[in-house]
N, C-alpha and C. Protein backbone atom coordinates (compact mmCIF):
# COMPACT_ATOMS: atom_id res chain seq x y z
N MET A 1 -22.22 -10.15 7.02
CA MET A 1 -21.17 -10.02 6.01
C MET A 1 -19.95 -9.33 6.61
N ILE A 2 -18.79 -9.89 6.39
CA ILE A 2 -17.55 -9.34 6.92
C ILE A 2 -17.10 -8.17 6.04
N ASP A 3 -16.68 -7.09 6.69
CA ASP A 3 -16.19 -5.91 5.98
C ASP A 3 -14.69 -6.09 5.71
N GLU A 4 -14.35 -6.53 4.51
CA GLU A 4 -12.95 -6.76 4.17
C GLU A 4 -12.19 -5.46 3.91
N SER A 5 -12.89 -4.33 3.97
CA SER A 5 -12.24 -3.04 3.76
C SER A 5 -11.73 -2.45 5.07
N ASN A 6 -11.83 -3.21 6.16
CA ASN A 6 -11.36 -2.75 7.47
C ASN A 6 -12.00 -1.44 7.90
N GLY A 7 -13.29 -1.33 7.63
CA GLY A 7 -14.04 -0.15 8.06
C GLY A 7 -14.11 0.97 7.05
N TYR A 8 -13.32 0.88 5.98
CA TYR A 8 -13.27 1.99 5.02
C TYR A 8 -14.49 2.07 4.12
N GLU A 9 -15.18 0.98 3.88
CA GLU A 9 -16.40 1.06 3.07
C GLU A 9 -17.43 1.94 3.77
N SER A 10 -17.54 1.80 5.09
CA SER A 10 -18.56 2.57 5.83
C SER A 10 -18.24 4.07 5.90
N ILE A 11 -16.98 4.44 5.71
CA ILE A 11 -16.60 5.86 5.78
C ILE A 11 -16.04 6.35 4.44
N ALA A 12 -16.29 5.61 3.38
CA ALA A 12 -15.69 5.93 2.07
C ALA A 12 -16.00 7.35 1.61
N GLU A 13 -17.22 7.79 1.75
CA GLU A 13 -17.58 9.14 1.29
C GLU A 13 -16.80 10.21 2.05
N ILE A 14 -16.62 10.02 3.35
CA ILE A 14 -15.82 10.95 4.16
C ILE A 14 -14.37 10.93 3.69
N TYR A 15 -13.83 9.72 3.52
CA TYR A 15 -12.43 9.57 3.09
C TYR A 15 -12.21 10.26 1.74
N ILE A 16 -13.13 10.04 0.81
CA ILE A 16 -12.99 10.62 -0.52
C ILE A 16 -12.91 12.15 -0.45
N LYS A 17 -13.70 12.75 0.42
CA LYS A 17 -13.69 14.21 0.57
C LYS A 17 -12.47 14.72 1.33
N GLU A 18 -11.97 13.93 2.29
CA GLU A 18 -10.96 14.42 3.22
C GLU A 18 -9.52 14.01 2.90
N ARG A 19 -9.30 12.99 2.07
CA ARG A 19 -7.94 12.48 1.83
C ARG A 19 -7.06 13.59 1.31
N GLY A 20 -6.00 13.86 2.04
CA GLY A 20 -5.08 14.91 1.66
C GLY A 20 -3.93 14.39 0.82
N ARG A 21 -2.91 15.20 0.69
CA ARG A 21 -1.75 14.84 -0.12
C ARG A 21 -0.53 14.53 0.73
N ILE A 22 -0.73 14.36 2.04
CA ILE A 22 0.41 14.02 2.90
C ILE A 22 1.02 12.72 2.39
N GLY A 23 2.33 12.72 2.28
CA GLY A 23 3.06 11.56 1.79
C GLY A 23 3.36 11.62 0.30
N SER A 24 2.80 12.59 -0.39
CA SER A 24 2.99 12.67 -1.84
C SER A 24 4.46 12.81 -2.23
N SER A 25 5.22 13.60 -1.50
CA SER A 25 6.63 13.78 -1.85
C SER A 25 7.41 12.49 -1.64
N THR A 26 7.06 11.72 -0.62
CA THR A 26 7.72 10.43 -0.38
C THR A 26 7.40 9.46 -1.51
N VAL A 27 6.15 9.40 -1.91
CA VAL A 27 5.74 8.51 -3.01
C VAL A 27 6.42 8.94 -4.31
N SER A 28 6.47 10.23 -4.59
CA SER A 28 7.13 10.73 -5.81
C SER A 28 8.60 10.35 -5.84
N ALA A 29 9.29 10.55 -4.72
CA ALA A 29 10.71 10.22 -4.66
C ALA A 29 10.92 8.73 -4.90
N TRP A 30 10.08 7.89 -4.30
CA TRP A 30 10.18 6.44 -4.49
C TRP A 30 9.91 6.08 -5.95
N ALA A 31 8.87 6.66 -6.54
CA ALA A 31 8.50 6.36 -7.92
C ALA A 31 9.64 6.70 -8.88
N ARG A 32 10.38 7.75 -8.58
CA ARG A 32 11.49 8.16 -9.45
C ARG A 32 12.67 7.19 -9.38
N THR A 33 12.69 6.27 -8.42
CA THR A 33 13.76 5.27 -8.36
C THR A 33 13.49 4.12 -9.33
N LEU A 34 12.29 4.07 -9.88
CA LEU A 34 11.91 3.01 -10.82
C LEU A 34 12.10 3.51 -12.26
N ASN A 35 12.36 2.58 -13.16
CA ASN A 35 12.49 2.93 -14.58
C ASN A 35 11.15 3.34 -15.16
N LYS A 36 11.17 4.29 -16.09
CA LYS A 36 9.94 4.67 -16.79
C LYS A 36 9.31 3.41 -17.38
N GLY A 37 8.01 3.31 -17.27
CA GLY A 37 7.30 2.14 -17.77
C GLY A 37 7.25 0.97 -16.82
N ALA A 38 7.94 1.07 -15.68
CA ALA A 38 7.89 -0.01 -14.69
C ALA A 38 6.45 -0.23 -14.25
N VAL A 39 6.13 -1.47 -13.94
CA VAL A 39 4.76 -1.83 -13.56
C VAL A 39 4.67 -1.92 -12.04
N VAL A 40 3.74 -1.13 -11.47
CA VAL A 40 3.61 -1.01 -10.02
C VAL A 40 2.20 -1.36 -9.57
N LEU A 41 2.10 -2.08 -8.46
CA LEU A 41 0.81 -2.39 -7.85
C LEU A 41 0.60 -1.48 -6.65
N ASP A 42 -0.52 -0.76 -6.66
CA ASP A 42 -0.91 0.11 -5.54
C ASP A 42 -1.95 -0.65 -4.72
N ILE A 43 -1.54 -1.12 -3.55
CA ILE A 43 -2.42 -1.91 -2.68
C ILE A 43 -3.07 -0.98 -1.67
N GLY A 44 -4.40 -1.06 -1.58
CA GLY A 44 -5.13 -0.12 -0.73
C GLY A 44 -5.23 1.22 -1.43
N CYS A 45 -5.52 1.18 -2.73
CA CYS A 45 -5.45 2.36 -3.60
C CYS A 45 -6.47 3.43 -3.29
N GLY A 46 -7.57 3.08 -2.63
CA GLY A 46 -8.62 4.08 -2.42
C GLY A 46 -9.11 4.62 -3.75
N THR A 47 -9.19 5.92 -3.86
CA THR A 47 -9.65 6.58 -5.10
C THR A 47 -8.54 6.73 -6.14
N GLY A 48 -7.31 6.39 -5.74
CA GLY A 48 -6.17 6.56 -6.63
C GLY A 48 -5.47 7.89 -6.49
N ILE A 49 -6.07 8.77 -5.70
CA ILE A 49 -5.48 10.09 -5.48
C ILE A 49 -5.06 10.19 -4.02
N PRO A 50 -3.80 10.42 -3.76
CA PRO A 50 -2.77 10.88 -4.69
C PRO A 50 -1.86 9.78 -5.26
N VAL A 51 -1.80 8.57 -4.67
CA VAL A 51 -0.73 7.62 -4.99
C VAL A 51 -0.73 7.16 -6.44
N THR A 52 -1.82 6.59 -6.93
CA THR A 52 -1.83 6.10 -8.31
C THR A 52 -1.56 7.24 -9.29
N LYS A 53 -2.11 8.41 -9.03
CA LYS A 53 -1.88 9.57 -9.90
C LYS A 53 -0.39 9.89 -9.97
N ILE A 54 0.29 9.85 -8.83
CA ILE A 54 1.73 10.12 -8.81
C ILE A 54 2.47 9.08 -9.64
N LEU A 55 2.11 7.81 -9.48
CA LEU A 55 2.78 6.75 -10.24
C LEU A 55 2.63 7.00 -11.74
N LEU A 56 1.44 7.32 -12.17
CA LEU A 56 1.19 7.60 -13.59
C LEU A 56 1.94 8.85 -14.05
N ASP A 57 1.92 9.89 -13.23
CA ASP A 57 2.62 11.14 -13.57
C ASP A 57 4.12 10.92 -13.71
N GLU A 58 4.66 9.93 -12.99
CA GLU A 58 6.09 9.63 -13.06
C GLU A 58 6.43 8.67 -14.20
N GLY A 59 5.44 8.34 -15.04
CA GLY A 59 5.69 7.51 -16.21
C GLY A 59 5.65 6.02 -15.94
N LEU A 60 5.02 5.62 -14.84
CA LEU A 60 4.92 4.20 -14.50
C LEU A 60 3.58 3.64 -14.95
N ALA A 61 3.52 2.34 -15.11
CA ALA A 61 2.26 1.65 -15.39
C ALA A 61 1.71 1.15 -14.07
N ALA A 62 0.44 1.37 -13.83
CA ALA A 62 -0.14 1.02 -12.53
C ALA A 62 -1.24 -0.02 -12.63
N TYR A 63 -1.28 -0.85 -11.60
CA TYR A 63 -2.40 -1.73 -11.29
C TYR A 63 -2.82 -1.33 -9.89
N ALA A 64 -4.07 -1.56 -9.54
CA ALA A 64 -4.53 -1.11 -8.22
C ALA A 64 -5.50 -2.10 -7.61
N LEU A 65 -5.56 -2.04 -6.27
CA LEU A 65 -6.35 -2.99 -5.50
C LEU A 65 -6.90 -2.30 -4.27
N ASP A 66 -8.19 -2.49 -3.99
CA ASP A 66 -8.79 -1.99 -2.76
C ASP A 66 -10.00 -2.86 -2.46
N ALA A 67 -10.34 -3.00 -1.18
CA ALA A 67 -11.46 -3.85 -0.77
C ALA A 67 -12.77 -3.09 -0.63
N SER A 68 -12.77 -1.78 -0.83
CA SER A 68 -13.99 -0.98 -0.70
C SER A 68 -14.64 -0.75 -2.06
N PRO A 69 -15.85 -1.27 -2.28
CA PRO A 69 -16.53 -1.03 -3.56
C PRO A 69 -16.72 0.45 -3.88
N THR A 70 -16.99 1.26 -2.88
CA THR A 70 -17.18 2.69 -3.11
C THR A 70 -15.88 3.35 -3.57
N MET A 71 -14.77 2.96 -2.95
CA MET A 71 -13.46 3.50 -3.36
C MET A 71 -13.14 3.07 -4.79
N ILE A 72 -13.41 1.80 -5.10
CA ILE A 72 -13.13 1.29 -6.45
C ILE A 72 -13.96 2.03 -7.49
N LYS A 73 -15.21 2.32 -7.18
CA LYS A 73 -16.06 3.08 -8.11
C LYS A 73 -15.43 4.45 -8.39
N ALA A 74 -14.99 5.14 -7.33
CA ALA A 74 -14.34 6.45 -7.50
C ALA A 74 -13.03 6.30 -8.27
N PHE A 75 -12.27 5.24 -7.98
CA PHE A 75 -11.01 5.00 -8.68
C PHE A 75 -11.27 4.86 -10.17
N ARG A 76 -12.26 4.05 -10.53
CA ARG A 76 -12.56 3.83 -11.96
C ARG A 76 -12.97 5.13 -12.65
N GLU A 77 -13.65 6.01 -11.93
CA GLU A 77 -14.01 7.31 -12.50
C GLU A 77 -12.75 8.16 -12.72
N ASN A 78 -11.81 8.08 -11.77
CA ASN A 78 -10.57 8.86 -11.88
C ASN A 78 -9.60 8.30 -12.91
N PHE A 79 -9.52 6.97 -13.00
CA PHE A 79 -8.52 6.31 -13.84
C PHE A 79 -9.15 5.15 -14.61
N PRO A 80 -9.96 5.43 -15.61
CA PRO A 80 -10.69 4.37 -16.31
C PRO A 80 -9.81 3.37 -17.05
N ASN A 81 -8.57 3.73 -17.33
CA ASN A 81 -7.69 2.84 -18.09
C ASN A 81 -6.71 2.06 -17.22
N VAL A 82 -6.79 2.21 -15.91
CA VAL A 82 -5.89 1.49 -15.01
C VAL A 82 -6.59 0.22 -14.51
N PRO A 83 -5.96 -0.94 -14.66
CA PRO A 83 -6.56 -2.17 -14.13
C PRO A 83 -6.71 -2.06 -12.61
N VAL A 84 -7.91 -2.35 -12.11
CA VAL A 84 -8.19 -2.24 -10.68
C VAL A 84 -9.09 -3.41 -10.28
N ALA A 85 -8.89 -3.91 -9.07
CA ALA A 85 -9.71 -5.01 -8.56
C ALA A 85 -10.24 -4.65 -7.18
N CYS A 86 -11.48 -5.03 -6.94
CA CYS A 86 -12.10 -4.85 -5.62
C CYS A 86 -11.93 -6.16 -4.87
N GLU A 87 -10.81 -6.27 -4.17
CA GLU A 87 -10.46 -7.50 -3.46
C GLU A 87 -9.70 -7.16 -2.19
N SER A 88 -9.84 -8.01 -1.19
CA SER A 88 -9.03 -7.87 0.02
C SER A 88 -7.64 -8.41 -0.28
N VAL A 89 -6.66 -7.94 0.48
CA VAL A 89 -5.29 -8.43 0.29
C VAL A 89 -5.20 -9.92 0.58
N GLU A 90 -6.04 -10.40 1.49
CA GLU A 90 -6.02 -11.82 1.84
C GLU A 90 -6.43 -12.70 0.66
N ARG A 91 -7.39 -12.23 -0.13
CA ARG A 91 -7.95 -13.03 -1.21
C ARG A 91 -7.39 -12.70 -2.60
N SER A 92 -6.75 -11.58 -2.73
CA SER A 92 -6.32 -11.14 -4.05
C SER A 92 -5.18 -11.99 -4.61
N PRO A 93 -5.28 -12.37 -5.89
CA PRO A 93 -4.16 -13.04 -6.55
C PRO A 93 -3.16 -12.03 -7.16
N PHE A 94 -3.35 -10.74 -6.84
CA PHE A 94 -2.47 -9.68 -7.37
C PHE A 94 -2.39 -9.74 -8.90
N PHE A 95 -3.54 -9.92 -9.54
CA PHE A 95 -3.65 -9.93 -10.99
C PHE A 95 -2.87 -11.08 -11.64
N ASN A 96 -2.47 -12.07 -10.83
CA ASN A 96 -1.72 -13.24 -11.33
C ASN A 96 -0.48 -12.85 -12.12
N ARG A 97 0.24 -11.88 -11.58
CA ARG A 97 1.47 -11.42 -12.25
C ARG A 97 2.45 -10.90 -11.22
N SER A 98 3.63 -10.56 -11.68
CA SER A 98 4.63 -9.95 -10.80
C SER A 98 4.80 -8.48 -11.19
N PHE A 99 5.47 -7.75 -10.31
CA PHE A 99 5.57 -6.30 -10.46
C PHE A 99 6.99 -5.81 -10.23
N ASP A 100 7.29 -4.65 -10.84
CA ASP A 100 8.58 -3.98 -10.62
C ASP A 100 8.56 -3.20 -9.31
N GLY A 101 7.38 -2.87 -8.84
CA GLY A 101 7.22 -2.15 -7.59
C GLY A 101 5.86 -2.43 -6.99
N ILE A 102 5.81 -2.41 -5.67
CA ILE A 102 4.54 -2.52 -4.94
C ILE A 102 4.54 -1.45 -3.87
N ILE A 103 3.42 -0.76 -3.76
CA ILE A 103 3.29 0.31 -2.78
C ILE A 103 2.01 0.10 -1.98
N ALA A 104 2.11 0.30 -0.67
CA ALA A 104 0.95 0.15 0.22
C ALA A 104 1.03 1.26 1.27
N VAL A 105 0.38 2.37 0.99
CA VAL A 105 0.40 3.53 1.89
C VAL A 105 -0.88 3.53 2.72
N GLY A 106 -0.73 3.57 4.04
CA GLY A 106 -1.88 3.66 4.93
C GLY A 106 -2.71 2.41 5.03
N LEU A 107 -2.13 1.26 4.76
CA LEU A 107 -2.89 0.02 4.76
C LEU A 107 -2.44 -1.00 5.80
N ILE A 108 -1.17 -1.32 5.82
CA ILE A 108 -0.67 -2.47 6.59
C ILE A 108 -1.18 -2.48 8.01
N PHE A 109 -1.11 -1.38 8.69
CA PHE A 109 -1.47 -1.32 10.11
C PHE A 109 -2.97 -1.47 10.36
N LEU A 110 -3.78 -1.46 9.31
CA LEU A 110 -5.22 -1.70 9.46
C LEU A 110 -5.52 -3.19 9.61
N LEU A 111 -4.55 -4.02 9.28
CA LEU A 111 -4.73 -5.46 9.21
C LEU A 111 -4.34 -6.15 10.51
N SER A 112 -4.83 -7.37 10.70
CA SER A 112 -4.44 -8.15 11.87
C SER A 112 -2.94 -8.47 11.78
N GLU A 113 -2.35 -8.83 12.90
CA GLU A 113 -0.92 -9.18 12.90
C GLU A 113 -0.66 -10.32 11.93
N GLU A 114 -1.49 -11.34 11.95
CA GLU A 114 -1.32 -12.49 11.06
C GLU A 114 -1.40 -12.06 9.60
N THR A 115 -2.35 -11.21 9.27
CA THR A 115 -2.50 -10.75 7.88
C THR A 115 -1.33 -9.87 7.46
N GLN A 116 -0.82 -9.05 8.37
CA GLN A 116 0.35 -8.23 8.04
C GLN A 116 1.54 -9.12 7.68
N ARG A 117 1.76 -10.15 8.49
CA ARG A 117 2.88 -11.07 8.22
C ARG A 117 2.71 -11.73 6.85
N MET A 118 1.50 -12.20 6.58
CA MET A 118 1.22 -12.84 5.30
C MET A 118 1.42 -11.86 4.15
N LEU A 119 0.93 -10.63 4.32
CA LEU A 119 1.00 -9.66 3.23
C LEU A 119 2.44 -9.28 2.89
N ILE A 120 3.29 -9.11 3.87
CA ILE A 120 4.68 -8.76 3.57
C ILE A 120 5.33 -9.87 2.75
N SER A 121 5.10 -11.11 3.13
CA SER A 121 5.63 -12.24 2.37
C SER A 121 5.02 -12.30 0.97
N LYS A 122 3.72 -12.06 0.87
CA LYS A 122 3.02 -12.10 -0.42
C LYS A 122 3.50 -10.98 -1.35
N MET A 123 3.72 -9.79 -0.79
CA MET A 123 4.23 -8.69 -1.62
C MET A 123 5.63 -9.01 -2.11
N ALA A 124 6.48 -9.54 -1.23
CA ALA A 124 7.85 -9.88 -1.63
C ALA A 124 7.83 -10.91 -2.75
N ALA A 125 6.96 -11.91 -2.64
CA ALA A 125 6.87 -12.96 -3.66
C ALA A 125 6.36 -12.43 -5.00
N ALA A 126 5.62 -11.33 -4.98
CA ALA A 126 5.05 -10.76 -6.21
C ALA A 126 5.98 -9.76 -6.89
N LEU A 127 7.14 -9.51 -6.30
CA LEU A 127 8.10 -8.58 -6.90
C LEU A 127 9.02 -9.29 -7.87
N ASN A 128 9.31 -8.65 -9.00
CA ASN A 128 10.34 -9.14 -9.90
C ASN A 128 11.69 -9.00 -9.21
N PRO A 129 12.72 -9.75 -9.64
CA PRO A 129 14.05 -9.54 -9.06
C PRO A 129 14.45 -8.07 -9.19
N GLY A 130 14.90 -7.49 -8.10
CA GLY A 130 15.25 -6.08 -8.08
C GLY A 130 14.05 -5.16 -7.91
N GLY A 131 12.86 -5.74 -7.75
CA GLY A 131 11.64 -4.96 -7.56
C GLY A 131 11.65 -4.22 -6.23
N ARG A 132 10.93 -3.12 -6.18
CA ARG A 132 10.94 -2.25 -5.00
C ARG A 132 9.62 -2.31 -4.25
N LEU A 133 9.70 -2.24 -2.93
CA LEU A 133 8.52 -2.21 -2.06
C LEU A 133 8.58 -0.96 -1.20
N LEU A 134 7.46 -0.26 -1.10
CA LEU A 134 7.33 0.87 -0.18
C LEU A 134 6.01 0.72 0.55
N PHE A 135 6.08 0.71 1.89
CA PHE A 135 4.84 0.71 2.67
C PHE A 135 5.01 1.58 3.90
N SER A 136 3.88 2.05 4.41
CA SER A 136 3.89 2.89 5.60
C SER A 136 3.32 2.12 6.78
N ALA A 137 3.92 2.35 7.93
CA ALA A 137 3.45 1.79 9.20
C ALA A 137 4.18 2.51 10.31
N PRO A 138 3.52 2.70 11.45
CA PRO A 138 4.21 3.38 12.56
C PRO A 138 5.51 2.68 12.96
N LEU A 139 6.47 3.47 13.34
CA LEU A 139 7.79 2.99 13.73
C LEU A 139 7.74 2.09 14.95
N TYR A 140 6.88 2.42 15.89
CA TYR A 140 6.84 1.69 17.16
C TYR A 140 5.71 0.68 17.20
N LYS A 141 5.89 -0.36 17.98
CA LYS A 141 4.83 -1.35 18.19
C LYS A 141 3.74 -0.69 19.03
N VAL A 142 2.54 -0.62 18.46
CA VAL A 142 1.45 0.09 19.14
C VAL A 142 0.11 -0.40 18.58
N GLU A 143 -0.92 -0.32 19.40
CA GLU A 143 -2.28 -0.65 18.98
C GLU A 143 -3.18 0.51 19.37
N TRP A 144 -4.13 0.89 18.50
CA TRP A 144 -5.02 2.00 18.78
C TRP A 144 -6.34 1.80 18.04
N LYS A 145 -7.32 2.57 18.43
CA LYS A 145 -8.62 2.55 17.74
C LYS A 145 -8.65 3.74 16.79
N ASP A 146 -8.86 3.46 15.51
CA ASP A 146 -8.93 4.51 14.51
C ASP A 146 -10.12 5.41 14.81
N ILE A 147 -9.89 6.73 14.82
CA ILE A 147 -10.97 7.64 15.20
C ILE A 147 -12.05 7.78 14.13
N ILE A 148 -11.74 7.43 12.89
CA ILE A 148 -12.74 7.53 11.83
C ILE A 148 -13.51 6.22 11.68
N THR A 149 -12.78 5.10 11.54
CA THR A 149 -13.46 3.81 11.31
C THR A 149 -13.86 3.12 12.61
N GLU A 150 -13.26 3.53 13.71
CA GLU A 150 -13.46 2.91 15.02
C GLU A 150 -13.01 1.45 15.04
N GLN A 151 -12.16 1.08 14.09
CA GLN A 151 -11.57 -0.26 14.02
C GLN A 151 -10.22 -0.24 14.73
N THR A 152 -9.79 -1.40 15.22
CA THR A 152 -8.47 -1.50 15.83
C THR A 152 -7.40 -1.49 14.75
N SER A 153 -6.38 -0.66 14.94
CA SER A 153 -5.21 -0.64 14.07
C SER A 153 -4.03 -1.07 14.91
N ARG A 154 -3.00 -1.60 14.26
CA ARG A 154 -1.84 -2.06 15.02
C ARG A 154 -0.58 -1.98 14.17
N SER A 155 0.47 -1.54 14.78
CA SER A 155 1.79 -1.57 14.16
C SER A 155 2.59 -2.66 14.85
N LEU A 156 3.26 -3.48 14.07
CA LEU A 156 4.12 -4.51 14.63
C LEU A 156 5.44 -3.93 15.11
N GLY A 157 5.73 -2.70 14.73
CA GLY A 157 6.98 -2.04 15.10
C GLY A 157 8.08 -2.31 14.09
N ALA A 158 8.99 -1.38 13.99
CA ALA A 158 10.04 -1.44 12.97
C ALA A 158 10.87 -2.71 13.05
N GLU A 159 11.19 -3.15 14.25
CA GLU A 159 12.02 -4.36 14.40
C GLU A 159 11.34 -5.57 13.75
N GLN A 160 10.03 -5.74 14.00
CA GLN A 160 9.28 -6.85 13.40
C GLN A 160 9.17 -6.69 11.89
N TYR A 161 8.87 -5.49 11.42
CA TYR A 161 8.75 -5.28 9.98
C TYR A 161 10.08 -5.57 9.28
N ARG A 162 11.17 -5.11 9.86
CA ARG A 162 12.49 -5.38 9.26
C ARG A 162 12.74 -6.88 9.19
N ALA A 163 12.46 -7.60 10.27
CA ALA A 163 12.69 -9.05 10.31
C ALA A 163 11.82 -9.76 9.27
N LEU A 164 10.57 -9.35 9.14
CA LEU A 164 9.67 -9.96 8.15
C LEU A 164 10.16 -9.71 6.73
N MET A 165 10.63 -8.50 6.46
CA MET A 165 11.13 -8.20 5.12
C MET A 165 12.37 -9.05 4.81
N LEU A 166 13.29 -9.11 5.74
CA LEU A 166 14.51 -9.90 5.53
C LEU A 166 14.18 -11.37 5.32
N ALA A 167 13.26 -11.91 6.12
CA ALA A 167 12.86 -13.31 6.00
C ALA A 167 12.14 -13.59 4.67
N SER A 168 11.62 -12.55 4.04
CA SER A 168 10.90 -12.69 2.77
C SER A 168 11.78 -12.41 1.56
N GLY A 169 13.09 -12.27 1.78
CA GLY A 169 14.01 -12.05 0.67
C GLY A 169 14.14 -10.62 0.22
N LEU A 170 13.80 -9.69 1.12
CA LEU A 170 13.93 -8.27 0.81
C LEU A 170 15.11 -7.67 1.55
N SER A 171 15.76 -6.72 0.94
CA SER A 171 16.82 -5.96 1.59
C SER A 171 16.29 -4.55 1.83
N ILE A 172 16.45 -4.06 3.04
CA ILE A 172 15.94 -2.74 3.39
C ILE A 172 16.89 -1.68 2.85
N ILE A 173 16.34 -0.78 2.05
CA ILE A 173 17.14 0.31 1.48
C ILE A 173 17.21 1.45 2.47
N ASP A 174 16.06 1.89 2.94
CA ASP A 174 16.03 2.95 3.95
C ASP A 174 14.65 3.05 4.57
N GLU A 175 14.56 3.92 5.55
CA GLU A 175 13.30 4.25 6.21
C GLU A 175 13.26 5.76 6.31
N SER A 176 12.05 6.31 6.25
CA SER A 176 11.91 7.76 6.34
C SER A 176 10.54 8.12 6.88
N ASP A 177 10.38 9.38 7.24
CA ASP A 177 9.10 9.90 7.69
C ASP A 177 8.67 11.01 6.74
N ASP A 178 7.37 11.09 6.48
CA ASP A 178 6.87 12.17 5.63
C ASP A 178 6.49 13.38 6.48
N GLU A 179 5.94 14.40 5.82
CA GLU A 179 5.59 15.64 6.51
C GLU A 179 4.48 15.45 7.54
N GLY A 180 3.74 14.34 7.46
CA GLY A 180 2.70 14.04 8.45
C GLY A 180 3.18 13.09 9.53
N GLU A 181 4.50 12.84 9.55
CA GLU A 181 5.16 11.94 10.50
C GLU A 181 4.74 10.49 10.32
N ASN A 182 4.33 10.11 9.11
CA ASN A 182 4.08 8.71 8.78
C ASN A 182 5.41 8.07 8.44
N HIS A 183 5.63 6.85 8.93
CA HIS A 183 6.90 6.17 8.73
C HIS A 183 6.81 5.23 7.52
N TYR A 184 7.85 5.22 6.69
CA TYR A 184 7.89 4.40 5.48
C TYR A 184 9.07 3.45 5.52
N PHE A 185 8.82 2.24 5.01
CA PHE A 185 9.84 1.22 4.85
C PHE A 185 10.05 1.02 3.35
N ASN A 186 11.29 1.14 2.90
CA ASN A 186 11.64 1.06 1.49
C ASN A 186 12.60 -0.12 1.32
N ALA A 187 12.21 -1.11 0.51
CA ALA A 187 13.02 -2.32 0.37
C ALA A 187 13.11 -2.74 -1.09
N ILE A 188 14.05 -3.65 -1.36
CA ILE A 188 14.26 -4.17 -2.71
C ILE A 188 14.31 -5.69 -2.64
N SER A 189 13.78 -6.33 -3.67
CA SER A 189 13.79 -7.79 -3.75
C SER A 189 15.16 -8.28 -4.18
N LEU A 190 15.67 -9.26 -3.46
CA LEU A 190 16.98 -9.83 -3.79
C LEU A 190 16.84 -11.04 -4.70
N ASP A 191 15.64 -11.57 -4.81
CA ASP A 191 15.42 -12.79 -5.61
C ASP A 191 15.17 -12.47 -7.06
């Protein structure tokens, strides 16, 4: 059986105990750019803490997606009223709807290059006109073995991510780094 969680199902209990709040201020600032009640999809939601919690605290409506059954179980315990699906990004229909915002923190670089390209296009297509996208990925093109999952991770690099966003009808608003030196790409849908 293929692990569509990119190694996270096997380390879910460790992740649940260890996941910190690094990036929370970046997510909060992004969430405040959306109108109250805006509908946001959290891709790679894990347990929902901290990202989904921040979205809800900022007055947004959230949907969530993760490929780890253990993470989804914890998510449902944390947020029983938030729609959540246990699906890989490759197979997910994103709840068959569009969103005012999509956020993917700590996910993109876990995926193959082909899947990253597909996902950026898929996220752009799922945004309402003027919808916002925020995702994290290393600034530089690099490949490494994750020390927890022992899976290969890869960043396509900022130049590739920018080109993919532009080709998908997104305009880049800005880029920033959080307190943990994670790099974020912030874009808006032009369609």
